[in-house]
Amino acid sequence: MFDSKIIEVDGVFVGAAIITGLATSLRFYATHESVRSLHNAILPDLAALRHHVTATFRRMGRGRACLPGA
């Protein structure tokens, strides 16, 4: 790992974008259950990764299944 960027959606930490040895790609490390399906996904840039993660997080109900009482 060379560097990483925190990925938050609506104030919720959902994972990190990890710059791989290939300078042209980022690997997603998922920490939130709602985006677990994207764990280790490789995308070409940070904007694409954030867009994909945000769409998945919101489609999965903003992580409601992980909240107490949900």
PDB file of N, CA and C in Angstrom:
ATOM      1  N   MET A   1       0.849  -1.174   0.000  1.00  0.00           N
ATOM      2  CA  MET A   1       0.000   0.000   0.000  1.00  0.00           C
ATOM      3  C   MET A   1       0.892   1.233   0.000  1.00  0.00           C
ATOM      4  N   PHE A   2       0.592   2.167  -0.875  1.00  0.00           N
ATOM      5  CA  PHE A   2       1.370   3.389  -0.982  1.00  0.00           C
ATOM      6  C   PHE A   2       0.683   4.577  -0.314  1.00  0.00           C
ATOM      7  N   ASP A   3      -0.623   4.639  -0.386  1.00  0.00           N
ATOM      8  CA  ASP A   3      -1.390   5.735   0.193  1.00  0.00           C
ATOM      9  C   ASP A   3      -2.854   5.310   0.221  1.00  0.00           C
ATOM     10  N   SER A   4      -3.647   6.025   1.015  1.00  0.00           N
ATOM     11  CA  SER A   4      -5.074   5.718   1.059  1.00  0.00           C
ATOM     12  C   SER A   4      -5.869   6.983   1.321  1.00  0.00           C
ATOM     13  N   LYS A   5      -7.135   6.929   0.950  1.00  0.00           N
ATOM     14  CA  LYS A   5      -8.070   8.031   1.165  1.00  0.00           C
ATOM     15  C   LYS A   5      -9.308   7.462   1.838  1.00  0.00           C
ATOM     16  N   ILE A   6      -9.774   8.153   2.868  1.00  0.00           N
ATOM     17  CA  ILE A   6     -10.998   7.747   3.554  1.00  0.00           C
ATOM     18  C   ILE A   6     -12.192   7.999   2.642  1.00  0.00           C
ATOM     19  N   ILE A   7     -13.120   7.060   2.630  1.00  0.00           N
ATOM     20  CA  ILE A   7     -14.356   7.215   1.867  1.00  0.00           C
ATOM     21  C   ILE A   7     -15.507   7.296   2.867  1.00  0.00           C
ATOM     22  N   GLU A   8     -16.200   8.418   2.856  1.00  0.00           N
ATOM     23  CA  GLU A   8     -17.379   8.625   3.693  1.00  0.00           C
ATOM     24  C   GLU A   8     -18.566   8.917   2.789  1.00  0.00           C
ATOM     25  N   VAL A   9     -19.722   8.441   3.208  1.00  0.00           N
ATOM     26  CA  VAL A   9     -20.961   8.746   2.499  1.00  0.00           C
ATOM     27  C   VAL A   9     -21.949   9.263   3.534  1.00  0.00           C
ATOM     28  N   ASP A  10     -22.435  10.456   3.324  1.00  0.00           N
ATOM     29  CA  ASP A  10     -23.392  11.079   4.245  1.00  0.00           C
ATOM     30  C   ASP A  10     -22.886  11.054   5.690  1.00  0.00           C
ATOM     31  N   GLY A  11     -21.592  11.278   5.863  1.00  0.00           N
ATOM     32  CA  GLY A  11     -20.994  11.323   7.189  1.00  0.00           C
ATOM     33  C   GLY A  11     -20.668   9.978   7.809  1.00  0.00           C
ATOM     34  N   VAL A  12     -20.854   8.896   7.057  1.00  0.00           N
ATOM     35  CA  VAL A  12     -20.584   7.554   7.559  1.00  0.00           C
ATOM     36  C   VAL A  12     -19.322   7.014   6.889  1.00  0.00           C
ATOM     37  N   PHE A  13     -18.351   6.578   7.699  1.00  0.00           N
ATOM     38  CA  PHE A  13     -17.135   5.970   7.169  1.00  0.00           C
ATOM     39  C   PHE A  13     -17.490   4.594   6.620  1.00  0.00           C
ATOM     40  N   VAL A  14     -17.268   4.397   5.327  1.00  0.00           N
ATOM     41  CA  VAL A  14     -17.634   3.127   4.710  1.00  0.00           C
ATOM     42  C   VAL A  14     -16.432   2.333   4.221  1.00  0.00           C
ATOM     43  N   GLY A  15     -15.257   2.978   4.157  1.00  0.00           N
ATOM     44  CA  GLY A  15     -14.077   2.263   3.713  1.00  0.00           C
ATOM     45  C   GLY A  15     -12.968   3.198   3.301  1.00  0.00           C
ATOM     46  N   ALA A  16     -11.997   2.632   2.593  1.00  0.00           N
ATOM     47  CA  ALA A  16     -10.851   3.416   2.156  1.00  0.00           C
ATOM     48  C   ALA A  16     -10.482   3.054   0.726  1.00  0.00           C
ATOM     49  N   ALA A  17     -10.018   4.061   0.011  1.00  0.00           N
ATOM     50  CA  ALA A  17      -9.478   3.854  -1.333  1.00  0.00           C
ATOM     51  C   ALA A  17      -7.975   3.700  -1.172  1.00  0.00           C
ATOM     52  N   ILE A  18      -7.444   2.599  -1.615  1.00  0.00           N
ATOM     53  CA  ILE A  18      -6.025   2.312  -1.461  1.00  0.00           C
ATOM     54  C   ILE A  18      -5.350   2.412  -2.818  1.00  0.00           C
ATOM     55  N   ILE A  19      -4.338   3.252  -2.879  1.00  0.00           N
ATOM     56  CA  ILE A  19      -3.570   3.382  -4.116  1.00  0.00           C
ATOM     57  C   ILE A  19      -2.673   2.157  -4.213  1.00  0.00           C
ATOM     58  N   THR A  20      -2.833   1.431  -5.290  1.00  0.00           N
ATOM     59  CA  THR A  20      -2.074   0.196  -5.478  1.00  0.00           C
ATOM     60  C   THR A  20      -0.743   0.495  -6.151  1.00  0.00           C
ATOM     61  N   GLY A  21       0.019  -0.538  -6.406  1.00  0.00           N
ATOM     62  CA  GLY A  21       1.287  -0.378  -7.104  1.00  0.00           C
ATOM     63  C   GLY A  21       1.094   0.131  -8.518  1.00  0.00           C
ATOM     64  N   LEU A  22      -0.095  -0.090  -9.048  1.00  0.00           N
ATOM     65  CA  LEU A  22      -0.423   0.433 -10.369  1.00  0.00           C
ATOM     66  C   LEU A  22      -0.947   1.846 -10.177  1.00  0.00           C
ATOM     67  N   ALA A  23      -0.235   2.818 -10.645  1.00  0.00           N
ATOM     68  CA  ALA A  23      -0.596   4.223 -10.417  1.00  0.00           C
ATOM     69  C   ALA A  23      -1.932   4.597 -11.046  1.00  0.00           C
ATOM     70  N   THR A  24      -2.473   3.726 -11.874  1.00  0.00           N
ATOM     71  CA  THR A  24      -3.711   4.055 -12.577  1.00  0.00           C
ATOM     72  C   THR A  24      -4.949   3.436 -11.939  1.00  0.00           C
ATOM     73  N   SER A  25      -4.820   2.858 -10.749  1.00  0.00           N
ATOM     74  CA  SER A  25      -5.995   2.217 -10.160  1.00  0.00           C
ATOM     75  C   SER A  25      -6.015   2.360  -8.640  1.00  0.00           C
ATOM     76  N   LEU A  26      -7.232   2.224  -8.108  1.00  0.00           N
ATOM     77  CA  LEU A  26      -7.468   2.265  -6.667  1.00  0.00           C
ATOM     78  C   LEU A  26      -8.235   1.016  -6.268  1.00  0.00           C
ATOM     79  N   ARG A  27      -7.888   0.473  -5.117  1.00  0.00           N
ATOM     80  CA  ARG A  27      -8.605  -0.688  -4.583  1.00  0.00           C
ATOM     81  C   ARG A  27      -9.443  -0.213  -3.407  1.00  0.00           C
ATOM     82  N   PHE A  28     -10.684  -0.681  -3.326  1.00  0.00           N
ATOM     83  CA  PHE A  28     -11.577  -0.278  -2.244  1.00  0.00           C
ATOM     84  C   PHE A  28     -11.520  -1.296  -1.116  1.00  0.00           C
ATOM     85  N   TYR A  29     -11.278  -0.801   0.100  1.00  0.00           N
ATOM     86  CA  TYR A  29     -11.310  -1.635   1.297  1.00  0.00           C
ATOM     87  C   TYR A  29     -12.588  -1.280   2.053  1.00  0.00           C
ATOM     88  N   ALA A  30     -13.572  -2.162   2.007  1.00  0.00           N
ATOM     89  CA  ALA A  30     -14.877  -1.900   2.626  1.00  0.00           C
ATOM     90  C   ALA A  30     -14.827  -2.158   4.127  1.00  0.00           C
ATOM     91  N   THR A  31     -15.404  -1.233   4.902  1.00  0.00           N
ATOM     92  CA  THR A  31     -15.507  -1.418   6.349  1.00  0.00           C
ATOM     93  C   THR A  31     -16.960  -1.426   6.812  1.00  0.00           C
ATOM     94  N   HIS A  32     -17.873  -1.052   5.944  1.00  0.00           N
ATOM     95  CA  HIS A  32     -19.295  -0.978   6.295  1.00  0.00           C
ATOM     96  C   HIS A  32     -20.034  -2.097   5.568  1.00  0.00           C
ATOM     97  N   GLU A  33     -20.896  -2.777   6.285  1.00  0.00           N
ATOM     98  CA  GLU A  33     -21.603  -3.935   5.720  1.00  0.00           C
ATOM     99  C   GLU A  33     -22.370  -3.608   4.442  1.00  0.00           C
ATOM    100  N   SER A  34     -22.913  -2.412   4.332  1.00  0.00           N
ATOM    101  CA  SER A  34     -23.732  -2.069   3.165  1.00  0.00           C
ATOM    102  C   SER A  34     -22.935  -1.991   1.867  1.00  0.00           C
ATOM    103  N   VAL A  35     -21.617  -1.877   1.958  1.00  0.00           N
ATOM    104  CA  VAL A  35     -20.785  -1.822   0.744  1.00  0.00           C
ATOM    105  C   VAL A  35     -19.797  -2.990   0.685  1.00  0.00           C
ATOM    106  N   ARG A  36     -20.037  -3.996   1.507  1.00  0.00           N
ATOM    107  CA  ARG A  36     -19.139  -5.157   1.573  1.00  0.00           C
ATOM    108  C   ARG A  36     -18.981  -5.831   0.208  1.00  0.00           C
ATOM    109  N   SER A  37     -20.004  -5.773  -0.623  1.00  0.00           N
ATOM    110  CA  SER A  37     -19.929  -6.402  -1.953  1.00  0.00           C
ATOM    111  C   SER A  37     -18.866  -5.753  -2.837  1.00  0.00           C
ATOM    112  N   LEU A  38     -18.443  -4.552  -2.485  1.00  0.00           N
ATOM    113  CA  LEU A  38     -17.428  -3.846  -3.274  1.00  0.00           C
ATOM    114  C   LEU A  38     -16.013  -4.041  -2.733  1.00  0.00           C
ATOM    115  N   HIS A  39     -15.874  -4.782  -1.646  1.00  0.00           N
ATOM    116  CA  HIS A  39     -14.557  -4.984  -1.040  1.00  0.00           C
ATOM    117  C   HIS A  39     -13.575  -5.537  -2.073  1.00  0.00           C
ATOM    118  N   ASN A  40     -12.433  -4.903  -2.173  1.00  0.00           N
ATOM    119  CA  ASN A  40     -11.354  -5.245  -3.107  1.00  0.00           C
ATOM    120  C   ASN A  40     -11.659  -4.897  -4.561  1.00  0.00           C
ATOM    121  N   ALA A  41     -12.733  -4.162  -4.804  1.00  0.00           N
ATOM    122  CA  ALA A  41     -13.013  -3.709  -6.174  1.00  0.00           C
ATOM    123  C   ALA A  41     -11.907  -2.752  -6.605  1.00  0.00           C
ATOM    124  N   ILE A  42     -11.532  -2.821  -7.860  1.00  0.00           N
ATOM    125  CA  ILE A  42     -10.502  -1.941  -8.409  1.00  0.00           C
ATOM    126  C   ILE A  42     -11.163  -1.020  -9.419  1.00  0.00           C
ATOM    127  N   LEU A  43     -10.994   0.287  -9.201  1.00  0.00           N
ATOM    128  CA  LEU A  43     -11.574   1.294 -10.085  1.00  0.00           C
ATOM    129  C   LEU A  43     -10.474   2.222 -10.573  1.00  0.00           C
ATOM    130  N   PRO A  44     -10.722   2.909 -11.692  1.00  0.00           N
ATOM    131  CA  PRO A  44      -9.663   3.698 -12.329  1.00  0.00           C
ATOM    132  C   PRO A  44      -9.282   4.983 -11.608  1.00  0.00           C
ATOM    133  N   ASP A  45     -10.216   5.585 -10.871  1.00  0.00           N
ATOM    134  CA  ASP A  45      -9.888   6.847 -10.203  1.00  0.00           C
ATOM    135  C   ASP A  45     -10.789   7.060  -8.991  1.00  0.00           C
ATOM    136  N   LEU A  46     -10.433   8.045  -8.172  1.00  0.00           N
ATOM    137  CA  LEU A  46     -11.154   8.301  -6.929  1.00  0.00           C
ATOM    138  C   LEU A  46     -12.597   8.724  -7.172  1.00  0.00           C
ATOM    139  N   ALA A  47     -12.831   9.528  -8.187  1.00  0.00           N
ATOM    140  CA  ALA A  47     -14.198   9.978  -8.480  1.00  0.00           C
ATOM    141  C   ALA A  47     -15.099   8.792  -8.826  1.00  0.00           C
ATOM    142  N   ALA A  48     -14.609   7.889  -9.653  1.00  0.00           N
ATOM    143  CA  ALA A  48     -15.386   6.706 -10.034  1.00  0.00           C
ATOM    144  C   ALA A  48     -15.642   5.816  -8.824  1.00  0.00           C
ATOM    145  N   LEU A  49     -14.637   5.647  -7.990  1.00  0.00           N
ATOM    146  CA  LEU A  49     -14.788   4.814  -6.805  1.00  0.00           C
ATOM    147  C   LEU A  49     -15.817   5.415  -5.850  1.00  0.00           C
ATOM    148  N   ARG A  50     -15.706   6.709  -5.570  1.00  0.00           N
ATOM    149  CA  ARG A  50     -16.670   7.363  -4.670  1.00  0.00           C
ATOM    150  C   ARG A  50     -18.093   7.280  -5.215  1.00  0.00           C
ATOM    151  N   HIS A  51     -18.239   7.475  -6.518  1.00  0.00           N
ATOM    152  CA  HIS A  51     -19.568   7.408  -7.135  1.00  0.00           C
ATOM    153  C   HIS A  51     -20.171   6.011  -6.952  1.00  0.00           C
ATOM    154  N   HIS A  52     -19.383   4.999  -7.233  1.00  0.00           N
ATOM    155  CA  HIS A  52     -19.850   3.614  -7.144  1.00  0.00           C
ATOM    156  C   HIS A  52     -20.196   3.245  -5.694  1.00  0.00           C
ATOM    157  N   VAL A  53     -19.329   3.623  -4.761  1.00  0.00           N
ATOM    158  CA  VAL A  53     -19.560   3.324  -3.348  1.00  0.00           C
ATOM    159  C   VAL A  53     -20.794   4.067  -2.833  1.00  0.00           C
ATOM    160  N   THR A  54     -20.922   5.336  -3.191  1.00  0.00           N
ATOM    161  CA  THR A  54     -22.071   6.136  -2.755  1.00  0.00           C
ATOM    162  C   THR A  54     -23.375   5.543  -3.274  1.00  0.00           C
ATOM    163  N   ALA A  55     -23.396   5.182  -4.549  1.00  0.00           N
ATOM    164  CA  ALA A  55     -24.607   4.597  -5.135  1.00  0.00           C
ATOM    165  C   ALA A  55     -24.980   3.292  -4.434  1.00  0.00           C
ATOM    166  N   THR A  56     -23.991   2.459  -4.156  1.00  0.00           N
ATOM    167  CA  THR A  56     -24.254   1.188  -3.481  1.00  0.00           C
ATOM    168  C   THR A  56     -24.750   1.418  -2.059  1.00  0.00           C
ATOM    169  N   PHE A  57     -24.108   2.313  -1.336  1.00  0.00           N
ATOM    170  CA  PHE A  57     -24.503   2.623   0.041  1.00  0.00           C
ATOM    171  C   PHE A  57     -25.947   3.100   0.100  1.00  0.00           C
ATOM    172  N   ARG A  58     -26.306   3.999  -0.780  1.00  0.00           N
ATOM    173  CA  ARG A  58     -27.668   4.551  -0.776  1.00  0.00           C
ATOM    174  C   ARG A  58     -28.693   3.529  -1.255  1.00  0.00           C
ATOM    175  N   ARG A  59     -28.329   2.709  -2.227  1.00  0.00           N
ATOM    176  CA  ARG A  59     -29.232   1.673  -2.721  1.00  0.00           C
ATOM    177  C   ARG A  59     -29.506   0.628  -1.634  1.00  0.00           C
ATOM    178  N   MET A  60     -28.519   0.385  -0.789  1.00  0.00           N
ATOM    179  CA  MET A  60     -28.669  -0.610   0.271  1.00  0.00           C
ATOM    180  C   MET A  60     -29.360  -0.029   1.501  1.00  0.00           C
ATOM    181  N   GLY A  61     -29.976   1.126   1.369  1.00  0.00           N
ATOM    182  CA  GLY A  61     -30.736   1.705   2.466  1.00  0.00           C
ATOM    183  C   GLY A  61     -29.902   2.482   3.450  1.00  0.00           C
ATOM    184  N   ARG A  62     -28.802   3.047   2.984  1.00  0.00           N
ATOM    185  CA  ARG A  62     -27.929   3.880   3.811  1.00  0.00           C
ATOM    186  C   ARG A  62     -27.436   3.136   5.043  1.00  0.00           C
ATOM    187  N   GLY A  63     -27.290   1.840   4.914  1.00  0.00           N
ATOM    188  CA  GLY A  63     -26.754   1.067   6.020  1.00  0.00           C
ATOM    189  C   GLY A  63     -27.723   0.857   7.167  1.00  0.00           C
ATOM    190  N   ARG A  64     -29.008   1.045   6.937  1.00  0.00           N
ATOM    191  CA  ARG A  64     -30.000   0.941   8.015  1.00  0.00           C
ATOM    192  C   ARG A  64     -29.976  -0.419   8.706  1.00  0.00           C
ATOM    193  N   ALA A  65     -29.660  -1.455   7.946  1.00  0.00           N
ATOM    194  CA  ALA A  65     -29.647  -2.786   8.543  1.00  0.00           C
ATOM    195  C   ALA A  65     -28.574  -2.913   9.619  1.00  0.00           C
ATOM    196  N   CYS A  66     -27.597  -2.018   9.615  1.00  0.00           N
ATOM    197  CA  CYS A  66     -26.510  -2.079  10.586  1.00  0.00           C
ATOM    198  C   CYS A  66     -26.788  -1.241  11.822  1.00  0.00           C
ATOM    199  N   LEU A  67     -27.861  -0.486  11.808  1.00  0.00           N
ATOM    200  CA  LEU A  67     -28.159   0.392  12.927  1.00  0.00           C
ATOM    201  C   LEU A  67     -29.007  -0.328  13.965  1.00  0.00           C
ATOM    202  N   PRO A  68     -28.753  -0.075  15.252  1.00  0.00           N
ATOM    203  CA  PRO A  68     -29.573  -0.698  16.295  1.00  0.00           C
ATOM    204  C   PRO A  68     -31.042  -0.326  16.123  1.00  0.00           C
ATOM    205  N   GLY A  69     -31.901  -1.296  16.283  1.00  0.00           N
ATOM    206  CA  GLY A  69     -33.332  -1.053  16.189  1.00  0.00           C
ATOM    207  C   GLY A  69     -33.865  -0.995  14.778  1.00  0.00           C
ATOM    208  N   ALA A  70     -33.015  -1.270  13.796  1.00  0.00           N
ATOM    209  CA  ALA A  70     -33.472  -1.206  12.398  1.00  0.00           C
ATOM    210  C   ALA A  70     -34.123  -2.504  11.999  1.00  0.00           C
TER     211      ALA A  70
END
